[in-house]
């Protein structure tokens, strides 16, 4: 075992569309508690939080930055860097950015690339596999982890292992794209075929050298994005224009499928990428009829099914191999064998310009959250909760007016050149074009009802003049 500590790089840029309606682009599956009481990104960070690892670097979508920071704080983890991707460019550019940043910190850094939305049930097995991979990485290999298949899964890519390298690791003979069922069944019957987990371990310097050889335009663009990056509160913000110039590619496509340095460590540590509702059913605790019940659920004569009620009662009768997921604004009903197609529903929602593919009714902000109560073409009613000591930006709207009614706590209101307090059951009116700010000066959450009215009531009708969270 090497004494060199690994630098975890947690990738949190995905949208998790196959777990809709629970996972949505502005609050995706890695930010949800799906397999335990903690969220998936919290479990990933804690998994890499022992003495074999340095502090983790987290790379996330810019729109998730405050939620990720808060979730790290909740479990007592201070990231080495919290890096913001200004635009989505798949996994390879994100890993290049992480490698370049780590090179500035430690020229000999060994980075463990970990997706934020995977489940691992055997921590000791995970650490043992990391140690085996560490030996191969120190020898100059780009190491991936191949999971021993338990079924002919068509939702995963596969790896064929080749000749042995150091103890417990092998050369990669080839990568195989997601196969059909017949081909998957044939591969599962042969021990040299493994599921491609999407986790990696390698020296940052070796990875960058291969990127320079195999994907030079990507390295050039991301290098500029890192050089021109700026610190923003607790975040490391990559330069948007430069990062957008990078080709978009997965790390498998950009490097692993073409390098002669690829190695694989076969492992079996209770891994799942929780890539579908069927996968979540498989890893969840079931009753004696194979039924998973989460939330407010009642079932009669059901079997091998997953039922979840978030905010509503879900009742199932006589269901077999069915997924039912109900949130406050959407219900999914699907056969378990068709759950990979859920992402097509999300695509349809976006084609129709419906918000349910991106937003829940409860939307989190750095100051707290709001929840939509009702809406029409010229009005919207929201419940707003502001954390103690937090404040919204000083802002103005061109097309809408707002009425605020305090229902709990105390609000400090700025309205043009006026500043005043509102207490429970008191209200105020913010006319169109008025500069205003809402603050919570108290020690308990501030809750109020907001009624918007006007010709245009969408969130983007906002001009910020001052903001504590760098959003001006």
Foldseek 3Di string as FASTA:
>chain_A
DDPDAAAEEEEAADQLLLAPPVTFNLQGQQLDDQAHPAGLLLVVQVLQPDPSHDQYEYEYEPSCQLSVVVSCVVNPGQHPADEYAPDAQAAPLVLLLVLVVVCVVPVFHKYKYHYSQKDFAFSVQVVVLVVVQVVLQVVLFKEFEFEQDPALDQVFKKWFFDDDDPPQKGFTPAIGHRDPSVVSVVQNVDRRMGTGQLIIIHTSVSLLVQCCVQPVQSSVLSVQQQVPWDDFPRHTYGDNVSNVSHHRDYCCVRGVRPDRRYMYGYGHRRMDSCSHPLSSLVSDDADPQSEAEEDQEAEECEHVEYAYEAPDHYYYYNHYQWYWYDHPPDIDIDRVVCSVCSSVVLVVCVVVPHCSNHDDQWRADSQGIKGWDDDDQFKTKIKDKGAAFGKFFFKAFQWKKKKKAWQAAKKWKDWAPDTDIDHHRDMDIHDHGIGMMIGHNDNGITIIMMMMGGNDDDPPRMDGDGGPRPPD
